[in-house]
Amino acid sequence: MENLKYTFNQVNDWIKTADQKAMILGSFNIAGFIYQLINFDKLIYGSTYTTILFILSLSSTLVALFFWLRIIYPKLDNKHKKSKIYFQHIANAYENDIDSGIEELQKISDQEFERDLASQIVINSIIAKKKYVNIQKFIWVFGVQVVTIVLLFISLL
């Protein structure tokens, strides 16, 4: 049981770390987007070079934003058997009857708990993997955004 609890906590820490990375990188992505909006007139009506860079920069910003949203808003639809420890299943089942929810949770056997915990480890691992795949995609597109914004900044000097 302790190994399952440790693994569950480890996987959840990976998810938290992914979310923290996403929030930090996302704030830079949004700052770049704001820079583009502030300088929109100069960028869109500038030289052909500046306009092309602006379009590339804006495109990469929007694609990065798409991946960022996929990181911070994971799909939490657990379509597997109803879990007695998955927060959404607990909330859906006992939202209007908290007392019966408490009673049901206290009745969970160690074997049921271990099975549900193992299930949550697998499901959370899948969520963590998806988050990290999207972080990698975000970083590549964000890199393009940064380079094009730097070139835009230089072209406006």
C-alpha atoms as a PDB file:
ATOM      1  CA  MET A   1       0.000   0.000   0.000  1.00  0.00           C
ATOM      2  CA  GLU A   2       2.823   2.441   0.828  1.00  0.00           C
ATOM      3  CA  ASN A   3       4.360   1.886  -2.620  1.00  0.00           C
ATOM      4  CA  LEU A   4       1.046   2.794  -4.246  1.00  0.00           C
ATOM      5  CA  LYS A   5       0.695   5.926  -2.124  1.00  0.00           C
ATOM      6  CA  TYR A   6       4.269   6.947  -2.936  1.00  0.00           C
ATOM      7  CA  THR A   7       3.730   6.379  -6.666  1.00  0.00           C
ATOM      8  CA  PHE A   8       0.414   8.237  -6.595  1.00  0.00           C
ATOM      9  CA  ASN A   9       2.063  11.229  -4.903  1.00  0.00           C
ATOM     10  CA  GLN A  10       4.984  11.103  -7.346  1.00  0.00           C
ATOM     11  CA  VAL A  11       2.687  11.143 -10.377  1.00  0.00           C
ATOM     12  CA  ASN A  12       0.676  14.003  -8.890  1.00  0.00           C
ATOM     13  CA  ASP A  13       3.923  15.917  -8.319  1.00  0.00           C
ATOM     14  CA  TRP A  14       4.750  15.476 -12.020  1.00  0.00           C
ATOM     15  CA  ILE A  15       1.350  16.943 -12.875  1.00  0.00           C
ATOM     16  CA  LYS A  16       1.927  19.885 -10.505  1.00  0.00           C
ATOM     17  CA  THR A  17       5.362  20.503 -12.041  1.00  0.00           C
ATOM     18  CA  ALA A  18       3.879  20.444 -15.543  1.00  0.00           C
ATOM     19  CA  ASP A  19       1.244  22.954 -14.462  1.00  0.00           C
ATOM     20  CA  GLN A  20       3.879  25.217 -12.908  1.00  0.00           C
ATOM     21  CA  LYS A  21       5.994  25.128 -16.066  1.00  0.00           C
ATOM     22  CA  ALA A  22       2.919  25.882 -18.139  1.00  0.00           C
ATOM     23  CA  MET A  23       1.979  28.883 -16.008  1.00  0.00           C
ATOM     24  CA  ILE A  24       5.470  30.370 -16.174  1.00  0.00           C
ATOM     25  CA  LEU A  25       5.857  29.833 -19.920  1.00  0.00           C
ATOM     26  CA  GLY A  26       2.269  30.878 -20.563  1.00  0.00           C
ATOM     27  CA  SER A  27       2.840  34.220 -18.882  1.00  0.00           C
ATOM     28  CA  PHE A  28       5.706  34.932 -21.298  1.00  0.00           C
ATOM     29  CA  ASN A  29       3.519  33.809 -24.191  1.00  0.00           C
ATOM     30  CA  ILE A  30       0.795  36.227 -23.137  1.00  0.00           C
ATOM     31  CA  ALA A  31       3.348  39.026 -22.645  1.00  0.00           C
ATOM     32  CA  GLY A  32       4.499  38.442 -26.240  1.00  0.00           C
ATOM     33  CA  PHE A  33       0.905  38.572 -27.402  1.00  0.00           C
ATOM     34  CA  ILE A  34       0.365  41.873 -25.586  1.00  0.00           C
ATOM     35  CA  TYR A  35       3.526  43.286 -27.204  1.00  0.00           C
ATOM     36  CA  GLN A  36       2.125  42.338 -30.597  1.00  0.00           C
ATOM     37  CA  LEU A  37      -1.204  43.998 -29.837  1.00  0.00           C
ATOM     38  CA  ILE A  38       0.421  47.185 -28.557  1.00  0.00           C
ATOM     39  CA  ASN A  39       2.547  47.472 -31.702  1.00  0.00           C
ATOM     40  CA  PHE A  40      -0.080  46.176 -34.120  1.00  0.00           C
ATOM     41  CA  ASP A  41      -0.186  49.290 -36.327  1.00  0.00           C
ATOM     42  CA  LYS A  42       3.593  49.486 -36.650  1.00  0.00           C
ATOM     43  CA  LEU A  43       3.867  45.767 -37.360  1.00  0.00           C
ATOM     44  CA  ILE A  44       1.034  45.188 -39.817  1.00  0.00           C
ATOM     45  CA  TYR A  45       1.561  48.376 -41.819  1.00  0.00           C
ATOM     46  CA  GLY A  46       5.348  48.307 -41.781  1.00  0.00           C
ATOM     47  CA  SER A  47       7.614  46.867 -44.436  1.00  0.00           C
ATOM     48  CA  THR A  48       6.844  43.544 -46.107  1.00  0.00           C
ATOM     49  CA  TYR A  49       9.562  41.976 -43.942  1.00  0.00           C
ATOM     50  CA  THR A  50       7.944  43.305 -40.761  1.00  0.00           C
ATOM     51  CA  THR A  51       4.473  42.188 -41.845  1.00  0.00           C
ATOM     52  CA  ILE A  52       5.678  38.652 -42.618  1.00  0.00           C
ATOM     53  CA  LEU A  53       7.472  38.474 -39.269  1.00  0.00           C
ATOM     54  CA  PHE A  54       4.362  39.764 -37.522  1.00  0.00           C
ATOM     55  CA  ILE A  55       2.135  37.147 -39.154  1.00  0.00           C
ATOM     56  CA  LEU A  56       4.619  34.385 -38.268  1.00  0.00           C
ATOM     57  CA  SER A  57       4.932  35.704 -34.728  1.00  0.00           C
ATOM     58  CA  LEU A  58       1.184  36.015 -34.233  1.00  0.00           C
ATOM     59  CA  SER A  59       0.614  32.538 -35.691  1.00  0.00           C
ATOM     60  CA  SER A  60       3.195  30.975 -33.388  1.00  0.00           C
ATOM     61  CA  THR A  61       1.709  32.865 -30.432  1.00  0.00           C
ATOM     62  CA  LEU A  62      -1.756  31.490 -31.140  1.00  0.00           C
ATOM     63  CA  VAL A  63      -0.507  27.937 -31.703  1.00  0.00           C
ATOM     64  CA  ALA A  64       1.506  28.140 -28.465  1.00  0.00           C
ATOM     65  CA  LEU A  65      -1.595  29.416 -26.694  1.00  0.00           C
ATOM     66  CA  PHE A  66      -3.502  26.382 -27.993  1.00  0.00           C
ATOM     67  CA  PHE A  67      -0.925  23.992 -26.502  1.00  0.00           C
ATOM     68  CA  TRP A  68      -0.853  26.028 -23.287  1.00  0.00           C
ATOM     69  CA  LEU A  69      -4.601  25.646 -22.900  1.00  0.00           C
ATOM     70  CA  ARG A  70      -4.291  21.882 -23.452  1.00  0.00           C
ATOM     71  CA  ILE A  71      -1.756  21.761 -20.611  1.00  0.00           C
ATOM     72  CA  ILE A  72      -3.717  23.742 -18.053  1.00  0.00           C
ATOM     73  CA  TYR A  73      -7.161  22.349 -18.910  1.00  0.00           C
ATOM     74  CA  PRO A  74      -6.683  18.587 -19.037  1.00  0.00           C
ATOM     75  CA  LYS A  75      -9.440  16.243 -20.038  1.00  0.00           C
ATOM     76  CA  LEU A  76     -10.703  14.897 -16.703  1.00  0.00           C
ATOM     77  CA  ASP A  77     -13.275  12.540 -18.115  1.00  0.00           C
ATOM     78  CA  ASN A  78     -12.557   9.233 -16.419  1.00  0.00           C
ATOM     79  CA  LYS A  79     -14.712   6.854 -18.444  1.00  0.00           C
ATOM     80  CA  HIS A  80     -13.538   3.793 -16.559  1.00  0.00           C
ATOM     81  CA  LYS A  81     -15.478   2.120 -13.782  1.00  0.00           C
ATOM     82  CA  LYS A  82     -16.678   4.523 -11.133  1.00  0.00           C
ATOM     83  CA  SER A  83     -13.870   5.081  -8.671  1.00  0.00           C
ATOM     84  CA  LYS A  84     -14.497   5.559  -4.986  1.00  0.00           C
ATOM     85  CA  ILE A  85     -11.483   7.870  -4.660  1.00  0.00           C
ATOM     86  CA  TYR A  86     -11.666   9.936  -7.884  1.00  0.00           C
ATOM     87  CA  PHE A  87     -12.801  13.433  -6.885  1.00  0.00           C
ATOM     88  CA  GLN A  88     -15.200  13.917  -9.796  1.00  0.00           C
ATOM     89  CA  HIS A  89     -16.956  10.596  -9.197  1.00  0.00           C
ATOM     90  CA  ILE A  90     -17.236  11.347  -5.473  1.00  0.00           C
ATOM     91  CA  ALA A  91     -18.591  14.839  -6.114  1.00  0.00           C
ATOM     92  CA  ASN A  92     -21.092  13.630  -8.717  1.00  0.00           C
ATOM     93  CA  ALA A  93     -22.352  10.804  -6.527  1.00  0.00           C
ATOM     94  CA  TYR A  94     -22.625  12.670  -3.224  1.00  0.00           C
ATOM     95  CA  GLU A  95     -22.958  16.339  -4.081  1.00  0.00           C
ATOM     96  CA  ASN A  96     -26.479  16.464  -2.668  1.00  0.00           C
ATOM     97  CA  ASP A  97     -25.955  13.959   0.148  1.00  0.00           C
ATOM     98  CA  ILE A  98     -22.631  14.546   1.868  1.00  0.00           C
ATOM     99  CA  ASP A  99     -23.456  12.332   4.865  1.00  0.00           C
ATOM    100  CA  SER A 100     -24.044   9.242   2.728  1.00  0.00           C
ATOM    101  CA  GLY A 101     -20.812  10.035   0.873  1.00  0.00           C
ATOM    102  CA  ILE A 102     -18.911  10.042   4.146  1.00  0.00           C
ATOM    103  CA  GLU A 103     -20.505   6.726   5.128  1.00  0.00           C
ATOM    104  CA  GLU A 104     -19.665   5.130   1.767  1.00  0.00           C
ATOM    105  CA  LEU A 105     -16.054   6.310   1.872  1.00  0.00           C
ATOM    106  CA  GLN A 106     -15.636   4.872   5.362  1.00  0.00           C
ATOM    107  CA  LYS A 107     -16.854   1.465   4.086  1.00  0.00           C
ATOM    108  CA  ILE A 108     -14.139   1.118   1.441  1.00  0.00           C
ATOM    109  CA  SER A 109     -12.077  -2.017   2.059  1.00  0.00           C
ATOM    110  CA  ASP A 110      -8.294  -1.940   1.836  1.00  0.00           C
ATOM    111  CA  GLN A 111      -8.450  -4.110  -1.288  1.00  0.00           C
ATOM    112  CA  GLU A 112     -10.949  -1.768  -3.000  1.00  0.00           C
ATOM    113  CA  PHE A 113      -8.866   1.240  -2.002  1.00  0.00           C
ATOM    114  CA  GLU A 114      -5.666  -0.302  -3.393  1.00  0.00           C
ATOM    115  CA  ARG A 115      -7.387  -1.140  -6.689  1.00  0.00           C
ATOM    116  CA  ASP A 116      -8.834   2.374  -7.022  1.00  0.00           C
ATOM    117  CA  LEU A 117      -5.510   3.924  -6.067  1.00  0.00           C
ATOM    118  CA  ALA A 118      -3.702   1.828  -8.687  1.00  0.00           C
ATOM    119  CA  SER A 119      -6.329   2.894 -11.230  1.00  0.00           C
ATOM    120  CA  GLN A 120      -5.781   6.559 -10.354  1.00  0.00           C
ATOM    121  CA  ILE A 121      -2.024   6.111 -10.737  1.00  0.00           C
ATOM    122  CA  VAL A 122      -2.519   4.826 -14.278  1.00  0.00           C
ATOM    123  CA  ILE A 123      -5.040   7.524 -15.201  1.00  0.00           C
ATOM    124  CA  ASN A 124      -2.944  10.336 -13.684  1.00  0.00           C
ATOM    125  CA  SER A 125       0.132   8.993 -15.460  1.00  0.00           C
ATOM    126  CA  ILE A 126      -1.721   9.285 -18.763  1.00  0.00           C
ATOM    127  CA  ILE A 127      -2.694  12.874 -17.865  1.00  0.00           C
ATOM    128  CA  ALA A 128       0.920  13.684 -16.911  1.00  0.00           C
ATOM    129  CA  LYS A 129       2.209  12.231 -20.180  1.00  0.00           C
ATOM    130  CA  LYS A 130      -0.243  14.322 -22.215  1.00  0.00           C
ATOM    131  CA  LYS A 131       0.739  17.452 -20.302  1.00  0.00           C
ATOM    132  CA  TYR A 132       4.466  16.890 -20.937  1.00  0.00           C
ATOM    133  CA  VAL A 133       3.898  16.128 -24.626  1.00  0.00           C
ATOM    134  CA  ASN A 134       2.019  19.424 -24.915  1.00  0.00           C
ATOM    135  CA  ILE A 135       4.741  21.255 -22.968  1.00  0.00           C
ATOM    136  CA  GLN A 136       7.324  20.014 -25.465  1.00  0.00           C
ATOM    137  CA  LYS A 137       5.183  21.190 -28.384  1.00  0.00           C
ATOM    138  CA  PHE A 138       4.547  24.499 -26.617  1.00  0.00           C
ATOM    139  CA  ILE A 139       8.275  25.071 -26.078  1.00  0.00           C
ATOM    140  CA  TRP A 140       9.092  24.563 -29.770  1.00  0.00           C
ATOM    141  CA  VAL A 141       6.367  26.922 -30.929  1.00  0.00           C
ATOM    142  CA  PHE A 142       7.166  29.374 -28.141  1.00  0.00           C
ATOM    143  CA  GLY A 143      10.784  29.390 -29.350  1.00  0.00           C
ATOM    144  CA  VAL A 144       9.580  30.498 -32.780  1.00  0.00           C
ATOM    145  CA  GLN A 145       7.457  33.177 -31.109  1.00  0.00           C
ATOM    146  CA  VAL A 146      10.419  34.508 -29.118  1.00  0.00           C
ATOM    147  CA  VAL A 147      12.733  34.619 -32.137  1.00  0.00           C
ATOM    148  CA  THR A 148      10.172  36.397 -34.294  1.00  0.00           C
ATOM    149  CA  ILE A 149       9.321  38.899 -31.548  1.00  0.00           C
ATOM    150  CA  VAL A 150      13.022  39.684 -31.074  1.00  0.00           C
ATOM    151  CA  LEU A 151      13.369  40.208 -34.829  1.00  0.00           C
ATOM    152  CA  LEU A 152      10.248  42.398 -34.800  1.00  0.00           C
ATOM    153  CA  PHE A 153      11.629  44.447 -31.934  1.00  0.00           C
ATOM    154  CA  ILE A 154      14.910  44.938 -33.812  1.00  0.00           C
ATOM    155  CA  SER A 155      13.057  45.887 -37.001  1.00  0.00           C
ATOM    156  CA  LEU A 156      11.141  48.613 -35.134  1.00  0.00           C
ATOM    157  CA  LEU A 157      14.289  50.283 -33.815  1.00  0.00           C
END
